[in-house]
Amino acid sequence: VLVAAEAFFFLIAWECMSLAPFFLLAPEDKNANQRYASWIYLIVAHLGALPLLLLFASMSQETGSGLFAHFHIFASTVQWQSAGLFFVLALLGFGMKMGLAPLHVWMPEAHSLAPVDVTILLSGTVVNIGLYGSLRTLSLLGLPAEWWAYALMGMGALSGLLGIIFALAQTNLKRSLAFSSSDNMGIVALGIGAGILSALDGTSLATVFFFAGALLHVWN
C-alpha cells in the first residue's frame, strides 16, 4: 500500500491488507463470537473499498491514466471536475479504515475478540494506513476547498468526543482500546483539517504546528 505508484496496484494491495486481519481475527473458528467479529470486519472493509474503487476509477477515466504522478500533474494543471465528490469518496473509504465515527462500527467487536497481538496490529498499523491513504489522496486532488477542512474537523471532533466517552464506559480493556483508537484518529483528523484551513488562510506558522501535531500523534 505504501509503495504503490498507480491506482490498480494500490487497490490490490489495499484488498490484501483488508483481508489479512479477517483471517487473524478468528484463529478459533468454532468460537461464534470471533466468527461474528470477523464477518462484521470483512463486510465493513469491503463496504469501505467500494468508494475507493469508484474514486480511483473516476480519476483514471478523467485522466486516461492510473498513475498517481499523472493524477498529480492533472490536478496542478487542469484540475478535477468532481474534486468535491472525490474528497467525499476518499473520506468514506479511508475513514472506515481509520475508525472515524460514525464509520467505526467494526472496531469494538474486532478489537475485543481478536488475540492481543492482532489488537495491537489493528490499533497501531491498520488505522494509520487508513490515514496515510487519505493524506495521499488529498495530495492528488489539488488545492482543497475550505469545506473539506471543516468536514475533516467536524468528523474528527465527533470521533474524538464519542470515542473517549465510549472508551471510559467500557469494562473490557481491548474494547476500550478500540474506542480510544477512534478517539485518537479523530484528534489527528481534527489537526489535519485545521492545518488545511490555516494553509488556505495563509497562516504558515499555524499550518506547521497543526500538521506537526497531527503527525506526532500518529507516531505516538
N, C-alpha and C. Protein backbone atom coordinates (compact mmCIF):
# COMPACT_ATOMS: atom_id res chain seq x y z
N VAL A 1 0.84 -1.20 0.00
CA VAL A 1 0.00 0.00 0.00
C VAL A 1 0.87 1.25 0.00
N LEU A 2 1.92 1.22 0.79
CA LEU A 2 2.75 2.42 0.95
C LEU A 2 3.58 2.74 -0.28
N VAL A 3 3.94 1.75 -1.07
CA VAL A 3 4.83 2.00 -2.21
C VAL A 3 4.11 2.00 -3.54
N ALA A 4 2.79 1.81 -3.55
CA ALA A 4 2.05 1.76 -4.81
C ALA A 4 2.17 3.09 -5.55
N ALA A 5 2.44 2.98 -6.86
CA ALA A 5 2.60 4.19 -7.68
C ALA A 5 1.43 4.39 -8.62
N GLU A 6 0.49 3.46 -8.65
CA GLU A 6 -0.68 3.62 -9.51
C GLU A 6 -1.90 2.99 -8.87
N ALA A 7 -3.07 3.40 -9.32
CA ALA A 7 -4.32 3.11 -8.63
C ALA A 7 -4.64 1.62 -8.57
N PHE A 8 -4.43 0.90 -9.66
CA PHE A 8 -4.80 -0.52 -9.72
C PHE A 8 -4.00 -1.32 -8.69
N PHE A 9 -2.70 -1.10 -8.65
CA PHE A 9 -1.87 -1.82 -7.69
C PHE A 9 -2.21 -1.40 -6.26
N PHE A 10 -2.52 -0.12 -6.06
CA PHE A 10 -2.91 0.35 -4.73
C PHE A 10 -4.15 -0.39 -4.24
N LEU A 11 -5.16 -0.55 -5.12
CA LEU A 11 -6.39 -1.22 -4.72
C LEU A 11 -6.16 -2.70 -4.43
N ILE A 12 -5.29 -3.34 -5.20
CA ILE A 12 -4.96 -4.75 -4.92
C ILE A 12 -4.27 -4.87 -3.57
N ALA A 13 -3.29 -4.01 -3.33
CA ALA A 13 -2.58 -4.03 -2.05
C ALA A 13 -3.54 -3.71 -0.89
N TRP A 14 -4.45 -2.78 -1.12
CA TRP A 14 -5.44 -2.41 -0.09
C TRP A 14 -6.33 -3.60 0.25
N GLU A 15 -6.73 -4.34 -0.79
CA GLU A 15 -7.57 -5.52 -0.57
C GLU A 15 -6.82 -6.59 0.21
N CYS A 16 -5.55 -6.80 -0.11
CA CYS A 16 -4.74 -7.77 0.64
C CYS A 16 -4.61 -7.35 2.10
N MET A 17 -4.40 -6.06 2.33
CA MET A 17 -4.29 -5.56 3.70
C MET A 17 -5.61 -5.72 4.44
N SER A 18 -6.73 -5.56 3.74
CA SER A 18 -8.04 -5.70 4.37
C SER A 18 -8.37 -7.15 4.69
N LEU A 19 -7.90 -8.07 3.83
CA LEU A 19 -8.21 -9.49 4.03
C LEU A 19 -7.38 -10.11 5.15
N ALA A 20 -6.15 -9.66 5.30
CA ALA A 20 -5.25 -10.29 6.28
C ALA A 20 -5.83 -10.30 7.70
N PRO A 21 -6.34 -9.17 8.23
CA PRO A 21 -6.90 -9.21 9.58
C PRO A 21 -8.11 -10.13 9.71
N PHE A 22 -8.85 -10.33 8.60
CA PHE A 22 -10.01 -11.22 8.65
C PHE A 22 -9.60 -12.62 9.10
N PHE A 23 -8.48 -13.12 8.57
CA PHE A 23 -8.01 -14.46 8.93
C PHE A 23 -7.33 -14.47 10.30
N LEU A 24 -6.80 -13.30 10.70
CA LEU A 24 -6.14 -13.23 12.01
C LEU A 24 -7.13 -13.05 13.16
N LEU A 25 -8.33 -12.53 12.85
CA LEU A 25 -9.29 -12.23 13.90
C LEU A 25 -9.89 -13.47 14.54
N ALA A 26 -10.01 -14.54 13.77
CA ALA A 26 -10.70 -15.73 14.28
C ALA A 26 -9.84 -16.98 14.18
N PRO A 27 -8.78 -17.09 14.99
CA PRO A 27 -7.96 -18.30 14.95
C PRO A 27 -8.72 -19.53 15.44
N GLU A 28 -9.76 -19.30 16.25
CA GLU A 28 -10.60 -20.40 16.72
C GLU A 28 -11.94 -20.30 16.01
N ASP A 29 -12.07 -20.98 14.87
CA ASP A 29 -13.26 -20.78 14.06
C ASP A 29 -14.52 -21.39 14.68
N LYS A 30 -14.37 -22.15 15.78
CA LYS A 30 -15.55 -22.69 16.45
C LYS A 30 -16.16 -21.68 17.42
N ASN A 31 -15.46 -20.58 17.66
CA ASN A 31 -15.95 -19.55 18.55
C ASN A 31 -16.91 -18.64 17.78
N ALA A 32 -18.20 -18.68 18.13
CA ALA A 32 -19.23 -17.93 17.39
C ALA A 32 -18.99 -16.43 17.48
N ASN A 33 -18.55 -15.94 18.63
CA ASN A 33 -18.31 -14.50 18.79
C ASN A 33 -17.18 -14.02 17.90
N GLN A 34 -16.10 -14.82 17.80
CA GLN A 34 -15.00 -14.45 16.93
C GLN A 34 -15.42 -14.47 15.46
N ARG A 35 -16.22 -15.45 15.10
CA ARG A 35 -16.72 -15.51 13.71
C ARG A 35 -17.56 -14.27 13.40
N TYR A 36 -18.40 -13.89 14.36
CA TYR A 36 -19.25 -12.71 14.17
C TYR A 36 -18.39 -11.46 13.99
N ALA A 37 -17.38 -11.27 14.83
CA ALA A 37 -16.50 -10.10 14.73
C ALA A 37 -15.76 -10.09 13.40
N SER A 38 -15.33 -11.27 12.95
CA SER A 38 -14.60 -11.38 11.69
C SER A 38 -15.48 -10.96 10.51
N TRP A 39 -16.72 -11.42 10.51
CA TRP A 39 -17.61 -11.10 9.40
C TRP A 39 -18.01 -9.63 9.41
N ILE A 40 -18.24 -9.07 10.59
CA ILE A 40 -18.52 -7.64 10.67
C ILE A 40 -17.35 -6.85 10.08
N TYR A 41 -16.13 -7.23 10.46
CA TYR A 41 -14.94 -6.55 9.94
C TYR A 41 -14.88 -6.68 8.42
N LEU A 42 -15.09 -7.89 7.90
CA LEU A 42 -14.96 -8.13 6.46
C LEU A 42 -16.00 -7.33 5.67
N ILE A 43 -17.23 -7.31 6.17
CA ILE A 43 -18.29 -6.56 5.48
C ILE A 43 -17.96 -5.07 5.43
N VAL A 44 -17.55 -4.50 6.57
CA VAL A 44 -17.23 -3.07 6.61
C VAL A 44 -16.00 -2.77 5.75
N ALA A 45 -15.01 -3.68 5.77
CA ALA A 45 -13.80 -3.48 4.96
C ALA A 45 -14.15 -3.39 3.48
N HIS A 46 -15.07 -4.24 3.03
CA HIS A 46 -15.43 -4.22 1.61
C HIS A 46 -16.38 -3.07 1.28
N LEU A 47 -17.22 -2.70 2.22
CA LEU A 47 -18.03 -1.50 2.01
C LEU A 47 -17.14 -0.27 1.86
N GLY A 48 -16.05 -0.23 2.65
CA GLY A 48 -15.11 0.87 2.56
C GLY A 48 -14.31 0.85 1.27
N ALA A 49 -14.14 -0.35 0.68
CA ALA A 49 -13.38 -0.44 -0.58
C ALA A 49 -14.19 0.06 -1.77
N LEU A 50 -15.51 0.02 -1.68
CA LEU A 50 -16.35 0.43 -2.82
C LEU A 50 -16.16 1.90 -3.18
N PRO A 51 -16.22 2.84 -2.22
CA PRO A 51 -15.98 4.24 -2.60
C PRO A 51 -14.57 4.47 -3.13
N LEU A 52 -13.58 3.69 -2.64
CA LEU A 52 -12.22 3.84 -3.15
C LEU A 52 -12.11 3.34 -4.59
N LEU A 53 -12.81 2.25 -4.89
CA LEU A 53 -12.83 1.74 -6.26
C LEU A 53 -13.47 2.77 -7.19
N LEU A 54 -14.58 3.36 -6.76
CA LEU A 54 -15.24 4.39 -7.57
C LEU A 54 -14.35 5.62 -7.70
N LEU A 55 -13.67 5.99 -6.62
CA LEU A 55 -12.78 7.15 -6.63
C LEU A 55 -11.68 7.00 -7.68
N PHE A 56 -10.93 5.90 -7.59
CA PHE A 56 -9.78 5.75 -8.49
C PHE A 56 -10.21 5.44 -9.92
N ALA A 57 -11.35 4.76 -10.09
CA ALA A 57 -11.86 4.52 -11.44
C ALA A 57 -12.25 5.84 -12.10
N SER A 58 -12.88 6.73 -11.35
CA SER A 58 -13.29 8.03 -11.89
C SER A 58 -12.07 8.89 -12.22
N MET A 59 -11.07 8.87 -11.32
CA MET A 59 -9.87 9.66 -11.58
C MET A 59 -9.11 9.12 -12.80
N SER A 60 -9.07 7.80 -12.93
CA SER A 60 -8.39 7.20 -14.08
C SER A 60 -9.11 7.52 -15.38
N GLN A 61 -10.45 7.52 -15.32
CA GLN A 61 -11.22 7.84 -16.52
C GLN A 61 -11.01 9.28 -16.94
N GLU A 62 -10.93 10.17 -15.96
CA GLU A 62 -10.80 11.60 -16.26
C GLU A 62 -9.41 11.93 -16.81
N THR A 63 -8.38 11.20 -16.36
CA THR A 63 -7.02 11.49 -16.82
C THR A 63 -6.56 10.57 -17.94
N GLY A 64 -7.23 9.44 -18.11
CA GLY A 64 -6.78 8.45 -19.09
C GLY A 64 -5.58 7.66 -18.63
N SER A 65 -5.30 7.70 -17.32
CA SER A 65 -4.15 7.00 -16.75
C SER A 65 -4.46 6.64 -15.31
N GLY A 66 -3.78 5.59 -14.82
CA GLY A 66 -3.95 5.20 -13.43
C GLY A 66 -2.78 5.58 -12.56
N LEU A 67 -1.78 6.23 -13.13
CA LEU A 67 -0.58 6.58 -12.37
C LEU A 67 -0.85 7.76 -11.44
N PHE A 68 -0.41 7.66 -10.20
CA PHE A 68 -0.58 8.75 -9.25
C PHE A 68 0.14 10.02 -9.71
N ALA A 69 1.28 9.84 -10.36
CA ALA A 69 2.03 11.00 -10.85
C ALA A 69 1.19 11.78 -11.87
N HIS A 70 0.44 11.07 -12.72
CA HIS A 70 -0.42 11.73 -13.70
C HIS A 70 -1.60 12.42 -13.01
N PHE A 71 -2.11 11.81 -11.93
CA PHE A 71 -3.18 12.46 -11.16
C PHE A 71 -2.69 13.80 -10.61
N HIS A 72 -1.47 13.78 -10.09
CA HIS A 72 -0.89 14.99 -9.50
C HIS A 72 -0.71 16.09 -10.55
N ILE A 73 -0.19 15.71 -11.72
CA ILE A 73 0.02 16.68 -12.80
C ILE A 73 -1.32 17.25 -13.27
N PHE A 74 -2.32 16.36 -13.38
CA PHE A 74 -3.65 16.79 -13.83
C PHE A 74 -4.24 17.80 -12.85
N ALA A 75 -4.10 17.52 -11.54
CA ALA A 75 -4.67 18.42 -10.52
C ALA A 75 -3.99 19.78 -10.52
N SER A 76 -2.70 19.82 -10.86
CA SER A 76 -1.96 21.08 -10.82
C SER A 76 -2.10 21.89 -12.11
N THR A 77 -2.60 21.27 -13.17
CA THR A 77 -2.73 21.98 -14.45
C THR A 77 -4.19 22.16 -14.87
N VAL A 78 -4.92 21.05 -14.97
CA VAL A 78 -6.30 21.11 -15.48
C VAL A 78 -7.31 21.25 -14.35
N GLN A 79 -7.11 20.57 -13.26
CA GLN A 79 -8.00 20.49 -12.09
C GLN A 79 -9.18 19.54 -12.36
N TRP A 80 -9.59 18.88 -11.29
CA TRP A 80 -10.65 17.88 -11.37
C TRP A 80 -12.01 18.54 -11.48
N GLN A 81 -12.87 17.95 -12.32
CA GLN A 81 -14.24 18.44 -12.42
C GLN A 81 -15.06 18.05 -11.19
N SER A 82 -14.74 16.91 -10.60
CA SER A 82 -15.52 16.38 -9.48
C SER A 82 -14.67 16.26 -8.23
N ALA A 83 -13.84 17.27 -7.96
CA ALA A 83 -12.92 17.19 -6.82
C ALA A 83 -13.65 17.01 -5.49
N GLY A 84 -14.78 17.70 -5.32
CA GLY A 84 -15.54 17.58 -4.08
C GLY A 84 -16.07 16.18 -3.87
N LEU A 85 -16.58 15.57 -4.95
CA LEU A 85 -17.07 14.19 -4.87
C LEU A 85 -15.93 13.24 -4.55
N PHE A 86 -14.77 13.47 -5.17
CA PHE A 86 -13.60 12.62 -4.89
C PHE A 86 -13.20 12.71 -3.42
N PHE A 87 -13.26 13.90 -2.86
CA PHE A 87 -12.92 14.07 -1.45
C PHE A 87 -13.88 13.28 -0.56
N VAL A 88 -15.17 13.35 -0.86
CA VAL A 88 -16.17 12.63 -0.06
C VAL A 88 -15.94 11.13 -0.15
N LEU A 89 -15.67 10.63 -1.36
CA LEU A 89 -15.41 9.20 -1.53
C LEU A 89 -14.18 8.77 -0.73
N ALA A 90 -13.13 9.59 -0.76
CA ALA A 90 -11.92 9.27 -0.01
C ALA A 90 -12.19 9.29 1.50
N LEU A 91 -12.97 10.26 1.94
CA LEU A 91 -13.28 10.37 3.37
C LEU A 91 -14.07 9.16 3.85
N LEU A 92 -15.00 8.68 3.02
CA LEU A 92 -15.79 7.50 3.39
C LEU A 92 -14.92 6.25 3.40
N GLY A 93 -14.18 6.04 2.31
CA GLY A 93 -13.38 4.82 2.19
C GLY A 93 -12.27 4.72 3.22
N PHE A 94 -11.48 5.78 3.33
CA PHE A 94 -10.37 5.75 4.28
C PHE A 94 -10.84 5.99 5.71
N GLY A 95 -11.95 6.73 5.86
CA GLY A 95 -12.48 6.97 7.20
C GLY A 95 -12.92 5.71 7.90
N MET A 96 -13.44 4.74 7.14
CA MET A 96 -13.82 3.46 7.73
C MET A 96 -12.60 2.73 8.27
N LYS A 97 -11.52 2.76 7.52
CA LYS A 97 -10.30 2.08 7.97
C LYS A 97 -9.68 2.81 9.15
N MET A 98 -9.78 4.13 9.17
CA MET A 98 -9.25 4.91 10.29
C MET A 98 -10.09 4.73 11.56
N GLY A 99 -11.35 4.34 11.38
CA GLY A 99 -12.22 4.19 12.53
C GLY A 99 -12.84 5.49 12.99
N LEU A 100 -13.00 6.44 12.07
CA LEU A 100 -13.65 7.71 12.43
C LEU A 100 -15.14 7.48 12.65
N ALA A 101 -15.68 8.03 13.74
CA ALA A 101 -17.11 7.94 14.00
C ALA A 101 -17.87 8.74 12.93
N PRO A 102 -18.99 8.25 12.43
CA PRO A 102 -19.70 7.02 12.81
C PRO A 102 -19.32 5.81 11.96
N LEU A 103 -18.14 5.81 11.35
CA LEU A 103 -17.71 4.72 10.47
C LEU A 103 -16.89 3.67 11.20
N HIS A 104 -16.89 3.71 12.53
CA HIS A 104 -16.01 2.87 13.34
C HIS A 104 -16.69 1.59 13.83
N VAL A 105 -17.79 1.19 13.21
CA VAL A 105 -18.61 0.10 13.77
C VAL A 105 -17.87 -1.22 13.89
N TRP A 106 -16.84 -1.43 13.07
CA TRP A 106 -16.12 -2.71 13.12
C TRP A 106 -15.13 -2.79 14.27
N MET A 107 -14.71 -1.65 14.79
CA MET A 107 -13.59 -1.64 15.73
C MET A 107 -13.87 -2.28 17.09
N PRO A 108 -14.99 -1.96 17.76
CA PRO A 108 -15.19 -2.56 19.09
C PRO A 108 -15.23 -4.08 19.08
N GLU A 109 -15.96 -4.65 18.10
CA GLU A 109 -16.07 -6.11 18.03
C GLU A 109 -14.73 -6.74 17.66
N ALA A 110 -14.08 -6.19 16.65
CA ALA A 110 -12.82 -6.77 16.18
C ALA A 110 -11.73 -6.70 17.26
N HIS A 111 -11.63 -5.56 17.92
CA HIS A 111 -10.59 -5.40 18.95
C HIS A 111 -10.84 -6.29 20.16
N SER A 112 -12.09 -6.36 20.59
CA SER A 112 -12.37 -7.06 21.85
C SER A 112 -12.24 -8.56 21.73
N LEU A 113 -12.46 -9.12 20.53
CA LEU A 113 -12.44 -10.57 20.37
C LEU A 113 -11.18 -11.08 19.70
N ALA A 114 -10.36 -10.19 19.16
CA ALA A 114 -9.13 -10.62 18.49
C ALA A 114 -8.06 -10.98 19.53
N PRO A 115 -7.10 -11.84 19.16
CA PRO A 115 -5.94 -12.06 20.02
C PRO A 115 -5.22 -10.74 20.29
N VAL A 116 -4.52 -10.67 21.41
CA VAL A 116 -3.92 -9.40 21.84
C VAL A 116 -2.98 -8.83 20.78
N ASP A 117 -2.13 -9.68 20.18
CA ASP A 117 -1.17 -9.16 19.20
C ASP A 117 -1.87 -8.61 17.96
N VAL A 118 -3.03 -9.20 17.61
CA VAL A 118 -3.79 -8.69 16.47
C VAL A 118 -4.45 -7.37 16.82
N THR A 119 -4.92 -7.23 18.06
CA THR A 119 -5.49 -5.96 18.52
C THR A 119 -4.47 -4.84 18.40
N ILE A 120 -3.24 -5.14 18.80
CA ILE A 120 -2.16 -4.14 18.71
C ILE A 120 -1.90 -3.77 17.25
N LEU A 121 -1.93 -4.78 16.38
CA LEU A 121 -1.72 -4.54 14.95
C LEU A 121 -2.81 -3.64 14.37
N LEU A 122 -4.05 -3.90 14.76
CA LEU A 122 -5.17 -3.08 14.27
C LEU A 122 -5.05 -1.63 14.73
N SER A 123 -4.71 -1.44 16.01
CA SER A 123 -4.64 -0.09 16.56
C SER A 123 -3.39 0.66 16.11
N GLY A 124 -2.27 -0.06 16.00
CA GLY A 124 -1.01 0.61 15.72
C GLY A 124 -0.66 0.74 14.26
N THR A 125 -1.28 -0.08 13.41
CA THR A 125 -0.89 -0.09 12.00
C THR A 125 -2.05 0.17 11.05
N VAL A 126 -3.10 -0.64 11.15
CA VAL A 126 -4.17 -0.58 10.16
C VAL A 126 -4.84 0.79 10.11
N VAL A 127 -5.17 1.36 11.28
CA VAL A 127 -5.83 2.67 11.28
C VAL A 127 -4.91 3.75 10.72
N ASN A 128 -3.60 3.62 10.96
CA ASN A 128 -2.65 4.60 10.43
C ASN A 128 -2.49 4.48 8.92
N ILE A 129 -2.64 3.25 8.38
CA ILE A 129 -2.61 3.09 6.93
C ILE A 129 -3.82 3.78 6.31
N GLY A 130 -4.95 3.73 7.01
CA GLY A 130 -6.12 4.46 6.53
C GLY A 130 -5.86 5.95 6.47
N LEU A 131 -5.19 6.48 7.47
CA LEU A 131 -4.82 7.90 7.47
C LEU A 131 -3.86 8.20 6.33
N TYR A 132 -2.89 7.33 6.13
CA TYR A 132 -1.94 7.52 5.03
C TYR A 132 -2.66 7.61 3.69
N GLY A 133 -3.63 6.70 3.48
CA GLY A 133 -4.38 6.72 2.23
C GLY A 133 -5.13 8.02 2.03
N SER A 134 -5.73 8.55 3.10
CA SER A 134 -6.48 9.80 2.98
C SER A 134 -5.55 10.97 2.67
N LEU A 135 -4.39 11.02 3.33
CA LEU A 135 -3.44 12.10 3.08
C LEU A 135 -2.88 12.02 1.65
N ARG A 136 -2.59 10.80 1.21
CA ARG A 136 -2.04 10.65 -0.14
C ARG A 136 -3.06 11.08 -1.20
N THR A 137 -4.32 10.73 -0.96
CA THR A 137 -5.36 11.12 -1.91
C THR A 137 -5.55 12.63 -1.91
N LEU A 138 -5.53 13.25 -0.72
CA LEU A 138 -5.64 14.71 -0.65
C LEU A 138 -4.54 15.39 -1.46
N SER A 139 -3.34 14.80 -1.44
CA SER A 139 -2.22 15.39 -2.17
C SER A 139 -2.41 15.30 -3.68
N LEU A 140 -3.35 14.44 -4.13
CA LEU A 140 -3.57 14.26 -5.57
C LEU A 140 -4.76 15.06 -6.09
N LEU A 141 -5.48 15.73 -5.19
CA LEU A 141 -6.71 16.42 -5.60
C LEU A 141 -6.51 17.90 -5.86
N GLY A 142 -5.29 18.38 -5.71
CA GLY A 142 -5.05 19.80 -5.97
C GLY A 142 -5.42 20.67 -4.78
N LEU A 143 -5.67 21.95 -5.05
CA LEU A 143 -5.99 22.90 -3.99
C LEU A 143 -7.30 22.51 -3.31
N PRO A 144 -7.29 22.29 -2.00
CA PRO A 144 -8.52 21.87 -1.31
C PRO A 144 -9.51 23.01 -1.16
N ALA A 145 -10.78 22.65 -1.12
CA ALA A 145 -11.82 23.64 -0.83
C ALA A 145 -11.91 23.83 0.68
N GLU A 146 -12.43 24.99 1.09
CA GLU A 146 -12.48 25.29 2.52
C GLU A 146 -13.40 24.32 3.27
N TRP A 147 -14.47 23.87 2.61
CA TRP A 147 -15.41 22.98 3.30
C TRP A 147 -14.79 21.62 3.57
N TRP A 148 -13.75 21.23 2.81
CA TRP A 148 -13.06 19.98 3.10
C TRP A 148 -12.45 20.04 4.50
N ALA A 149 -11.85 21.18 4.82
CA ALA A 149 -11.23 21.34 6.14
C ALA A 149 -12.28 21.25 7.24
N TYR A 150 -13.42 21.91 7.02
CA TYR A 150 -14.48 21.86 8.03
C TYR A 150 -15.06 20.45 8.17
N ALA A 151 -15.15 19.72 7.05
CA ALA A 151 -15.65 18.33 7.10
C ALA A 151 -14.71 17.46 7.93
N LEU A 152 -13.40 17.60 7.69
CA LEU A 152 -12.42 16.82 8.46
C LEU A 152 -12.46 17.20 9.94
N MET A 153 -12.54 18.49 10.21
CA MET A 153 -12.56 18.95 11.60
C MET A 153 -13.84 18.49 12.31
N GLY A 154 -14.97 18.55 11.60
CA GLY A 154 -16.22 18.13 12.21
C GLY A 154 -16.25 16.65 12.50
N MET A 155 -15.81 15.86 11.53
CA MET A 155 -15.77 14.41 11.72
C MET A 155 -14.75 14.03 12.78
N GLY A 156 -13.62 14.74 12.80
CA GLY A 156 -12.59 14.49 13.80
C GLY A 156 -13.07 14.82 15.20
N ALA A 157 -13.76 15.95 15.34
CA ALA A 157 -14.28 16.34 16.65
C ALA A 157 -15.33 15.36 17.15
N LEU A 158 -16.22 14.91 16.24
CA LEU A 158 -17.24 13.93 16.61
C LEU A 158 -16.60 12.62 17.04
N SER A 159 -15.62 12.16 16.27
CA SER A 159 -14.95 10.90 16.59
C SER A 159 -14.18 11.01 17.91
N GLY A 160 -13.51 12.14 18.11
CA GLY A 160 -12.76 12.32 19.35
C GLY A 160 -13.66 12.34 20.56
N LEU A 161 -14.80 13.02 20.44
CA LEU A 161 -15.72 13.13 21.57
C LEU A 161 -16.40 11.80 21.88
N LEU A 162 -16.98 11.17 20.84
CA LEU A 162 -17.67 9.90 21.06
C LEU A 162 -16.69 8.80 21.47
N GLY A 163 -15.50 8.81 20.86
CA GLY A 163 -14.52 7.78 21.17
C GLY A 163 -14.13 7.77 22.63
N ILE A 164 -13.83 8.93 23.19
CA ILE A 164 -13.38 8.97 24.59
C ILE A 164 -14.53 8.69 25.55
N ILE A 165 -15.75 9.13 25.20
CA ILE A 165 -16.91 8.85 26.06
C ILE A 165 -17.17 7.35 26.13
N PHE A 166 -17.18 6.69 24.97
CA PHE A 166 -17.43 5.25 24.95
C PHE A 166 -16.26 4.46 25.55
N ALA A 167 -15.04 4.96 25.37
CA ALA A 167 -13.87 4.27 25.92
C ALA A 167 -13.93 4.24 27.45
N LEU A 168 -14.35 5.36 28.04
CA LEU A 168 -14.42 5.45 29.50
C LEU A 168 -15.53 4.57 30.08
N ALA A 169 -16.52 4.22 29.24
CA ALA A 169 -17.66 3.44 29.72
C ALA A 169 -17.43 1.94 29.62
N GLN A 170 -16.33 1.51 29.02
CA GLN A 170 -16.11 0.08 28.80
C GLN A 170 -15.50 -0.61 30.02
N THR A 171 -15.83 -1.88 30.17
CA THR A 171 -15.20 -2.71 31.20
C THR A 171 -14.18 -3.66 30.59
N ASN A 172 -14.29 -3.89 29.27
CA ASN A 172 -13.32 -4.72 28.54
C ASN A 172 -12.19 -3.82 28.05
N LEU A 173 -10.96 -4.14 28.47
CA LEU A 173 -9.82 -3.26 28.17
C LEU A 173 -9.58 -3.14 26.67
N LYS A 174 -9.70 -4.25 25.93
CA LYS A 174 -9.45 -4.21 24.49
C LYS A 174 -10.56 -3.44 23.76
N ARG A 175 -11.78 -3.55 24.26
CA ARG A 175 -12.88 -2.77 23.69
C ARG A 175 -12.66 -1.27 23.94
N SER A 176 -12.15 -0.97 25.13
CA SER A 176 -11.80 0.42 25.45
C SER A 176 -10.70 0.93 24.52
N LEU A 177 -9.73 0.06 24.20
CA LEU A 177 -8.66 0.42 23.27
C LEU A 177 -9.22 0.75 21.89
N ALA A 178 -10.26 0.00 21.46
CA ALA A 178 -10.87 0.26 20.15
C ALA A 178 -11.45 1.66 20.10
N PHE A 179 -12.23 2.02 21.11
CA PHE A 179 -12.83 3.36 21.14
C PHE A 179 -11.75 4.43 21.32
N SER A 180 -10.70 4.10 22.07
CA SER A 180 -9.59 5.04 22.24
C SER A 180 -8.90 5.31 20.90
N SER A 181 -8.76 4.26 20.08
CA SER A 181 -8.16 4.43 18.76
C SER A 181 -9.01 5.36 17.90
N SER A 182 -10.34 5.18 17.97
CA SER A 182 -11.25 6.06 17.23
C SER A 182 -11.11 7.50 17.71
N ASP A 183 -10.98 7.65 19.03
CA ASP A 183 -10.78 8.99 19.62
C ASP A 183 -9.50 9.63 19.11
N ASN A 184 -8.41 8.87 19.12
CA ASN A 184 -7.12 9.42 18.70
C ASN A 184 -7.08 9.75 17.22
N MET A 185 -7.70 8.91 16.38
CA MET A 185 -7.74 9.22 14.96
C MET A 185 -8.62 10.44 14.71
N GLY A 186 -9.61 10.65 15.57
CA GLY A 186 -10.40 11.87 15.47
C GLY A 186 -9.57 13.11 15.74
N ILE A 187 -8.70 13.02 16.74
CA ILE A 187 -7.81 14.15 17.06
C ILE A 187 -6.88 14.43 15.88
N VAL A 188 -6.37 13.37 15.26
CA VAL A 188 -5.49 13.53 14.10
C VAL A 188 -6.24 14.20 12.95
N ALA A 189 -7.46 13.72 12.66
CA ALA A 189 -8.26 14.31 11.58
C ALA A 189 -8.58 15.77 11.88
N LEU A 190 -8.83 16.09 13.14
CA LEU A 190 -9.09 17.47 13.55
C LEU A 190 -7.87 18.35 13.27
N GLY A 191 -6.67 17.83 13.58
CA GLY A 191 -5.44 18.57 13.33
C GLY A 191 -5.17 18.79 11.85
N ILE A 192 -5.45 17.76 11.05
CA ILE A 192 -5.22 17.88 9.61
C ILE A 192 -6.19 18.88 9.00
N GLY A 193 -7.47 18.81 9.41
CA GLY A 193 -8.44 19.77 8.92
C GLY A 193 -8.07 21.19 9.29
N ALA A 194 -7.63 21.39 10.53
CA ALA A 194 -7.21 22.73 10.97
C ALA A 194 -5.98 23.19 10.20
N GLY A 195 -5.06 22.24 9.89
CA GLY A 195 -3.88 22.58 9.10
C GLY A 195 -4.23 23.03 7.70
N ILE A 196 -5.19 22.34 7.08
CA ILE A 196 -5.64 22.73 5.74
C ILE A 196 -6.28 24.11 5.77
N LEU A 197 -7.11 24.36 6.78
CA LEU A 197 -7.78 25.66 6.90
C LEU A 197 -6.76 26.77 7.10
N SER A 198 -5.73 26.52 7.93
CA SER A 198 -4.68 27.52 8.15
C SER A 198 -3.89 27.79 6.88
N ALA A 199 -3.63 26.72 6.11
CA ALA A 199 -2.90 26.88 4.85
C ALA A 199 -3.69 27.74 3.87
N LEU A 200 -4.99 27.51 3.81
CA LEU A 200 -5.83 28.30 2.90
C LEU A 200 -5.90 29.76 3.33
N ASP A 201 -5.80 30.00 4.64
CA ASP A 201 -5.81 31.37 5.15
C ASP A 201 -4.44 32.03 5.07
N GLY A 202 -3.41 31.25 4.71
CA GLY A 202 -2.07 31.80 4.59
C GLY A 202 -1.34 31.94 5.90
N THR A 203 -1.82 31.25 6.94
CA THR A 203 -1.16 31.31 8.25
C THR A 203 -0.15 30.16 8.34
N SER A 204 1.06 30.40 7.87
CA SER A 204 2.03 29.33 7.70
C SER A 204 2.47 28.72 9.02
N LEU A 205 2.68 29.54 10.05
CA LEU A 205 3.16 29.01 11.33
C LEU A 205 2.12 28.09 11.96
N ALA A 206 0.85 28.49 11.93
CA ALA A 206 -0.22 27.65 12.46
C ALA A 206 -0.33 26.35 11.66
N THR A 207 -0.15 26.44 10.34
CA THR A 207 -0.20 25.25 9.49
C THR A 207 0.84 24.24 9.91
N VAL A 208 2.05 24.71 10.14
CA VAL A 208 3.15 23.83 10.56
C VAL A 208 2.81 23.16 11.88
N PHE A 209 2.31 23.92 12.83
CA PHE A 209 2.00 23.36 14.15
C PHE A 209 0.87 22.33 14.07
N PHE A 210 -0.17 22.63 13.31
CA PHE A 210 -1.29 21.70 13.21
C PHE A 210 -0.87 20.38 12.57
N PHE A 211 -0.13 20.45 11.45
CA PHE A 211 0.29 19.23 10.78
C PHE A 211 1.33 18.47 11.61
N ALA A 212 2.25 19.20 12.23
CA ALA A 212 3.26 18.55 13.07
C ALA A 212 2.60 17.86 14.26
N GLY A 213 1.61 18.53 14.87
CA GLY A 213 0.90 17.92 15.99
C GLY A 213 0.15 16.66 15.58
N ALA A 214 -0.51 16.71 14.42
CA ALA A 214 -1.27 15.55 13.92
C ALA A 214 -0.33 14.37 13.65
N LEU A 215 0.78 14.63 12.98
CA LEU A 215 1.71 13.55 12.64
C LEU A 215 2.45 13.03 13.86
N LEU A 216 2.72 13.90 14.84
CA LEU A 216 3.32 13.45 16.09
C LEU A 216 2.37 12.52 16.84
N HIS A 217 1.07 12.84 16.76
CA HIS A 217 0.07 12.00 17.41
C HIS A 217 0.02 10.62 16.73
N VAL A 218 0.15 10.60 15.41
CA VAL A 218 0.21 9.32 14.68
C VAL A 218 1.40 8.51 15.16
N TRP A 219 2.56 9.16 15.27
CA TRP A 219 3.78 8.48 15.72
C TRP A 219 3.60 7.90 17.12
N ASN A 220 3.00 8.70 18.01
CA ASN A 220 2.76 8.22 19.38
C ASN A 220 1.81 7.03 19.39
